[in-house]
Amino acid sequence: MKTYLDCIPCFLSQTLRAGRLASQDDMLIKQLLDQIANQIENIPMEKTPAEMGEIIYRKIREVSGVYDPYKSIKSQSIQEAKLLLPTLKAILEKSENRLQVAIRIAIAGNVIDFGMSKKFSLTEDVYRILVQEFALFDFEAFQAHLEKANTILYIGDNAGESVFDKLLIEEMGKKTYYAVREIPVINDVIVADAIDSGLQEVAEIISSGSQAPGTILNRCSPDFVGLFHQADLIISKGQGNYEGLSDEKRTVFFLLKAKCPVIAKDLNVKENDIVLKGINI
């Protein structure tokens, strides 16, 4: 997905939010905003928004000296998500179509996104999504690919959301590689967060090598790229991964909530719609 003009003010908003988590020094935050604003002139619009995100969070680390501004927020999100697990497992056990409900639960976790300016209530949003109609729902194609798959590459998005991913991975019951970011960026899941979420119990946790808030193959490790091309089924969670992978030529299934107008427009859905979309299916 390319960068749209509407992405540009979002870059500055993200910088301000992360800067305030990293520092209380207004002059330092102003320095961050100045440096990111200077980068905007050189943004190639054909690049993905996630690639600009990599620049933003590198600058935040350099200027503030804070490696993981969202660390405590991620931990809190994971613990809050874990509190919902018993109820969600009970709902899953009673469901007529367990796979569909597990997909809904995984998408429900996608509301946990501190890269967006929108506020959310995890519990309320999860229960809303459990009954919400899908705007795009390529379930039959997903199920067909899953039945034939021996290996799954499941590309994670946010910490906390990762707890809900665990339920879908358990339900699918296949050899799964759970890919996370190489280093902290926004509240995206890294290895430590995946372990805190219990993903090591159902999947092999790997790093994509990405330092961006998304998966851009030319910014990922050779090992990850090799797995991307070899895995039988690829599941991509969230908006950042959609930005980076939506133009790829192999089959990918995207699970997300369209939380911003740019993503919604690119998908041809409405804001706040939920999506299971396959490409090249």
Protein backbone atom coordinates (compact mmCIF):
# COMPACT_ATOMS: atom_id res chain seq x y z
CA MET A 1 0.00 0.00 0.00
CA LYS A 2 1.31 3.43 -0.89
CA THR A 3 1.47 6.48 1.40
CA TYR A 4 -1.49 8.85 1.10
CA LEU A 5 -1.54 12.58 1.92
CA ASP A 6 -3.78 11.81 4.90
CA CYS A 7 -0.93 9.73 6.37
CA ILE A 8 1.28 12.81 6.80
CA PRO A 9 -0.52 14.46 9.77
CA CYS A 10 -0.75 10.99 11.32
CA PHE A 11 3.07 10.73 11.23
CA LEU A 12 3.33 13.90 13.30
CA SER A 13 0.60 12.77 15.70
CA GLN A 14 2.41 9.48 16.27
CA THR A 15 5.64 11.36 16.92
CA LEU A 16 3.95 13.58 19.49
CA ARG A 17 2.28 10.69 21.34
CA ALA A 18 5.42 8.57 21.47
CA GLY A 19 7.58 11.59 22.33
CA ARG A 20 5.41 12.36 25.34
CA LEU A 21 5.77 8.79 26.55
CA ALA A 22 9.54 8.96 26.16
CA SER A 23 10.09 12.38 27.72
CA GLN A 24 8.48 15.22 29.65
CA ASP A 25 10.89 17.71 28.09
CA ASP A 26 8.89 19.90 25.68
CA MET A 27 12.04 21.13 23.95
CA LEU A 28 13.16 17.57 23.26
CA ILE A 29 9.71 16.69 21.91
CA LYS A 30 9.78 19.81 19.72
CA GLN A 31 13.16 18.65 18.41
CA LEU A 32 11.61 15.31 17.51
CA LEU A 33 8.71 16.96 15.70
CA ASP A 34 11.09 19.25 13.81
CA GLN A 35 13.22 16.32 12.64
CA ILE A 36 10.22 14.27 11.49
CA ALA A 37 8.68 17.31 9.78
CA ASN A 38 11.94 17.77 7.87
CA GLN A 39 11.71 14.17 6.68
CA ILE A 40 8.25 14.67 5.20
CA GLU A 41 9.61 16.61 2.23
CA ASN A 42 11.55 13.52 1.20
CA ILE A 43 8.79 10.93 1.67
CA PRO A 44 8.31 8.96 -1.57
CA MET A 45 4.54 8.58 -1.78
CA GLU A 46 4.93 5.17 -3.42
CA LYS A 47 6.53 3.84 -0.21
CA THR A 48 4.39 2.31 2.54
CA PRO A 49 3.40 4.31 5.66
CA ALA A 50 5.17 1.66 7.76
CA GLU A 51 8.50 2.67 6.24
CA MET A 52 8.04 6.21 7.54
CA GLY A 53 7.10 4.68 10.89
CA GLU A 54 10.53 3.04 11.02
CA ILE A 55 12.16 6.47 10.63
CA ILE A 56 9.91 8.03 13.28
CA TYR A 57 10.66 5.49 15.98
CA ARG A 58 14.37 5.40 15.18
CA LYS A 59 14.45 9.17 15.75
CA ILE A 60 12.53 8.80 19.01
CA ARG A 61 15.11 6.31 20.30
CA GLU A 62 18.02 8.48 19.15
CA VAL A 63 16.75 11.78 20.55
CA SER A 64 15.12 10.58 23.78
CA GLY A 65 17.46 7.71 24.64
CA VAL A 66 14.38 5.62 25.50
CA TYR A 67 14.47 2.24 23.79
CA ASP A 68 10.86 1.14 24.38
CA PRO A 69 8.50 4.04 25.26
CA TYR A 70 5.46 1.74 25.21
CA LYS A 71 6.95 -0.99 27.43
CA SER A 72 4.66 -0.53 30.45
CA ILE A 73 1.60 0.04 28.23
CA LYS A 74 2.31 -3.22 26.39
CA SER A 75 2.61 -5.14 29.64
CA GLN A 76 -0.66 -3.65 30.88
CA SER A 77 -2.41 -4.56 27.60
CA ILE A 78 -1.22 -8.17 27.84
CA GLN A 79 -2.43 -8.51 31.42
CA GLU A 80 -5.81 -6.96 30.56
CA ALA A 81 -6.19 -9.32 27.61
CA LYS A 82 -5.35 -12.33 29.78
CA LEU A 83 -8.20 -11.43 32.15
CA LEU A 84 -10.64 -11.87 29.25
CA LEU A 85 -9.29 -15.28 28.22
CA PRO A 86 -11.49 -17.50 30.45
CA THR A 87 -14.66 -15.83 29.16
CA LEU A 88 -13.51 -15.96 25.54
CA LYS A 89 -12.54 -19.62 25.85
CA ALA A 90 -16.01 -20.36 27.22
CA ILE A 91 -17.61 -18.57 24.26
CA LEU A 92 -15.39 -20.55 21.90
CA GLU A 93 -16.34 -23.86 23.54
CA LYS A 94 -20.06 -23.16 23.08
CA SER A 95 -19.81 -21.90 19.50
CA GLU A 96 -21.21 -23.78 16.51
CA ASN A 97 -18.31 -22.75 14.29
CA ARG A 98 -15.20 -22.60 16.46
CA LEU A 99 -12.87 -21.46 13.68
CA GLN A 100 -15.06 -18.48 12.78
CA VAL A 101 -15.33 -17.44 16.41
CA ALA A 102 -11.57 -17.82 16.94
CA ILE A 103 -11.02 -15.55 13.93
CA ARG A 104 -13.40 -12.98 15.42
CA ILE A 105 -11.55 -13.12 18.74
CA ALA A 106 -8.21 -12.61 17.00
CA ILE A 107 -9.56 -9.60 15.09
CA ALA A 108 -11.14 -8.23 18.26
CA GLY A 109 -7.68 -7.98 19.77
CA ASN A 110 -6.68 -5.69 16.90
CA VAL A 111 -8.37 -2.76 18.69
CA ILE A 112 -5.25 -2.55 20.89
CA ASP A 113 -3.38 0.05 18.85
CA PHE A 114 -1.56 2.98 20.44
CA GLY A 115 -0.32 4.15 17.05
CA MET A 116 -3.82 5.51 16.48
CA SER A 117 -5.28 8.60 18.12
CA LYS A 118 -8.59 6.83 18.81
CA LYS A 119 -9.38 5.67 22.32
CA PHE A 120 -10.75 2.20 22.92
CA SER A 121 -12.21 0.04 25.66
CA LEU A 122 -10.79 -3.44 25.23
CA THR A 123 -13.66 -5.30 26.89
CA GLU A 124 -16.42 -3.33 25.16
CA ASP A 125 -14.76 -3.51 21.75
CA VAL A 126 -14.09 -7.24 22.01
CA TYR A 127 -17.73 -8.05 22.74
CA ARG A 128 -18.90 -5.69 19.99
CA ILE A 129 -16.70 -7.39 17.40
CA LEU A 130 -17.90 -10.84 18.45
CA VAL A 131 -21.32 -9.97 16.97
CA GLN A 132 -20.30 -7.46 14.27
CA GLU A 133 -20.86 -8.29 10.60
CA PHE A 134 -17.75 -8.67 8.45
CA ALA A 135 -17.28 -6.16 5.64
CA LEU A 136 -15.01 -8.64 3.84
CA PHE A 137 -15.09 -12.31 4.78
CA ASP A 138 -13.09 -14.72 2.64
CA PHE A 139 -13.73 -17.50 5.13
CA GLU A 140 -14.30 -20.35 2.69
CA ALA A 141 -11.01 -19.63 0.92
CA PHE A 142 -9.25 -19.32 4.29
CA GLN A 143 -10.67 -22.64 5.46
CA ALA A 144 -9.67 -24.37 2.22
CA HIS A 145 -6.07 -23.12 2.48
CA LEU A 146 -5.94 -24.06 6.17
CA GLU A 147 -7.09 -27.62 5.50
CA LYS A 148 -4.25 -28.13 3.00
CA ALA A 149 -1.57 -26.36 5.06
CA ASN A 150 1.15 -28.09 7.02
CA THR A 151 2.90 -24.90 8.10
CA ILE A 152 1.51 -21.46 8.97
CA LEU A 153 3.35 -18.15 9.17
CA TYR A 154 1.30 -15.97 11.51
CA ILE A 155 2.55 -12.36 11.49
CA GLY A 156 1.69 -10.65 14.77
CA ASP A 157 0.81 -7.01 15.26
CA ASN A 158 0.21 -5.49 18.69
CA ALA A 159 1.08 -6.66 22.19
CA GLY A 160 -2.09 -7.65 24.00
CA GLU A 161 -3.67 -8.60 20.70
CA SER A 162 -1.08 -11.37 20.79
CA VAL A 163 -2.99 -13.02 23.65
CA PHE A 164 -6.04 -13.42 21.39
CA ASP A 165 -3.85 -14.71 18.55
CA LYS A 166 -3.03 -17.65 20.79
CA LEU A 167 -6.63 -18.86 20.73
CA LEU A 168 -6.78 -18.87 16.92
CA ILE A 169 -3.44 -20.67 16.64
CA GLU A 170 -4.65 -23.32 19.11
CA GLU A 171 -7.85 -23.75 17.13
CA MET A 172 -6.05 -24.17 13.79
CA GLY A 173 -3.85 -26.91 15.24
CA LYS A 174 -1.03 -26.69 12.67
CA LYS A 175 2.71 -26.07 12.91
CA THR A 176 2.83 -22.29 13.32
CA TYR A 177 5.60 -19.71 13.26
CA TYR A 178 4.62 -16.54 15.10
CA ALA A 179 6.53 -13.56 13.70
CA VAL A 180 7.21 -10.46 15.77
CA ARG A 181 9.12 -7.19 15.29
CA GLU A 182 12.90 -7.19 15.71
CA ILE A 183 12.90 -4.22 18.11
CA PRO A 184 10.27 -2.14 19.95
CA VAL A 185 8.15 0.09 17.71
CA ILE A 186 4.87 1.63 18.95
CA ASN A 187 3.12 -1.14 20.96
CA ASP A 188 3.93 -3.84 18.41
CA VAL A 189 4.73 -7.28 19.75
CA ILE A 190 8.39 -8.29 20.17
CA VAL A 191 9.78 -11.61 21.42
CA ALA A 192 9.45 -10.72 25.12
CA ASP A 193 5.82 -9.66 24.64
CA ALA A 194 5.00 -12.85 22.73
CA ILE A 195 6.45 -14.94 25.55
CA ASP A 196 4.50 -12.90 28.13
CA SER A 197 1.39 -13.66 26.05
CA GLY A 198 2.10 -17.41 26.15
CA LEU A 199 2.64 -17.79 22.40
CA GLN A 200 5.58 -20.17 22.95
CA GLU A 201 3.02 -22.74 24.12
CA VAL A 202 1.36 -22.93 20.68
CA ALA A 203 3.88 -21.61 18.16
CA GLU A 204 7.55 -21.09 17.41
CA ILE A 205 8.27 -17.42 18.03
CA ILE A 206 10.51 -15.81 15.43
CA SER A 207 11.61 -12.28 14.55
CA SER A 208 10.72 -10.92 11.12
CA GLY A 209 13.78 -8.71 11.34
CA SER A 210 11.52 -5.70 10.79
CA GLN A 211 12.23 -2.50 12.70
CA ALA A 212 9.18 -0.84 11.14
CA PRO A 213 5.60 -0.92 12.46
CA GLY A 214 4.73 -3.33 9.68
CA THR A 215 6.16 -6.07 7.49
CA ILE A 216 8.05 -4.79 4.46
CA LEU A 217 9.88 -7.73 2.95
CA ASN A 218 12.94 -5.78 1.80
CA ARG A 219 13.37 -4.61 5.41
CA CYS A 220 13.05 -8.12 6.88
CA SER A 221 15.68 -10.81 7.55
CA PRO A 222 16.59 -13.36 4.85
CA ASP A 223 15.36 -16.18 7.10
CA PHE A 224 11.95 -14.54 7.45
CA VAL A 225 11.69 -13.80 3.73
CA GLY A 226 12.51 -17.43 2.99
CA LEU A 227 9.78 -18.60 5.38
CA PHE A 228 7.35 -16.11 3.86
CA HIS A 229 7.77 -17.76 0.48
CA GLN A 230 7.81 -21.34 1.79
CA ALA A 231 4.99 -21.41 4.38
CA ASP A 232 1.77 -23.03 3.23
CA LEU A 233 -0.48 -20.37 4.78
CA ILE A 234 0.24 -16.78 5.75
CA ILE A 235 -1.92 -14.90 8.23
CA SER A 236 -1.18 -11.19 8.57
CA LYS A 237 -2.62 -9.28 11.51
CA GLY A 238 -3.35 -5.57 11.64
CA GLN A 239 -3.00 -2.43 9.58
CA GLY A 240 0.79 -2.06 9.57
CA ASN A 241 1.27 -5.52 8.12
CA TYR A 242 -1.45 -4.85 5.57
CA GLU A 243 0.38 -1.69 4.48
CA GLY A 244 3.52 -3.66 3.81
CA LEU A 245 2.11 -6.85 2.31
CA SER A 246 -1.06 -5.89 0.43
CA ASP A 247 0.77 -5.71 -2.91
CA GLU A 248 2.61 -9.03 -2.60
CA LYS A 249 2.07 -11.65 -5.28
CA ARG A 250 1.50 -14.71 -3.11
CA THR A 251 -1.57 -15.69 -1.10
CA VAL A 252 -1.93 -13.79 2.19
CA PHE A 253 -4.94 -13.59 4.50
CA PHE A 254 -5.35 -10.28 6.35
CA LEU A 255 -7.19 -10.12 9.68
CA LEU A 256 -7.83 -6.60 10.92
CA LYS A 257 -10.16 -3.85 12.01
CA ALA A 258 -10.07 -0.82 9.67
CA LYS A 259 -9.25 1.81 12.27
CA CYS A 260 -8.21 4.64 9.95
CA PRO A 261 -9.88 6.17 6.87
CA VAL A 262 -6.84 5.52 4.67
CA ILE A 263 -6.85 1.78 5.32
CA ALA A 264 -10.64 1.66 5.00
CA LYS A 265 -10.47 3.42 1.62
CA ASP A 266 -7.71 1.12 0.36
CA LEU A 267 -9.80 -1.92 1.34
CA ASN A 268 -13.01 -0.32 0.03
CA VAL A 269 -14.72 -0.70 3.41
CA LYS A 270 -15.90 1.70 6.11
CA GLU A 271 -13.97 2.84 9.15
CA ASN A 272 -14.32 0.39 12.07
CA ASP A 273 -15.30 -2.46 9.73
CA ILE A 274 -13.77 -5.87 10.42
CA VAL A 275 -12.07 -7.81 7.68
CA LEU A 276 -10.86 -11.27 6.73
CA LYS A 277 -9.44 -10.63 3.28
CA GLY A 278 -7.41 -12.94 1.12
CA ILE A 279 -5.24 -11.80 -1.77
CA ASN A 280 -4.17 -14.01 -4.67
CA ILE A 281 -6.62 -16.70 -3.61
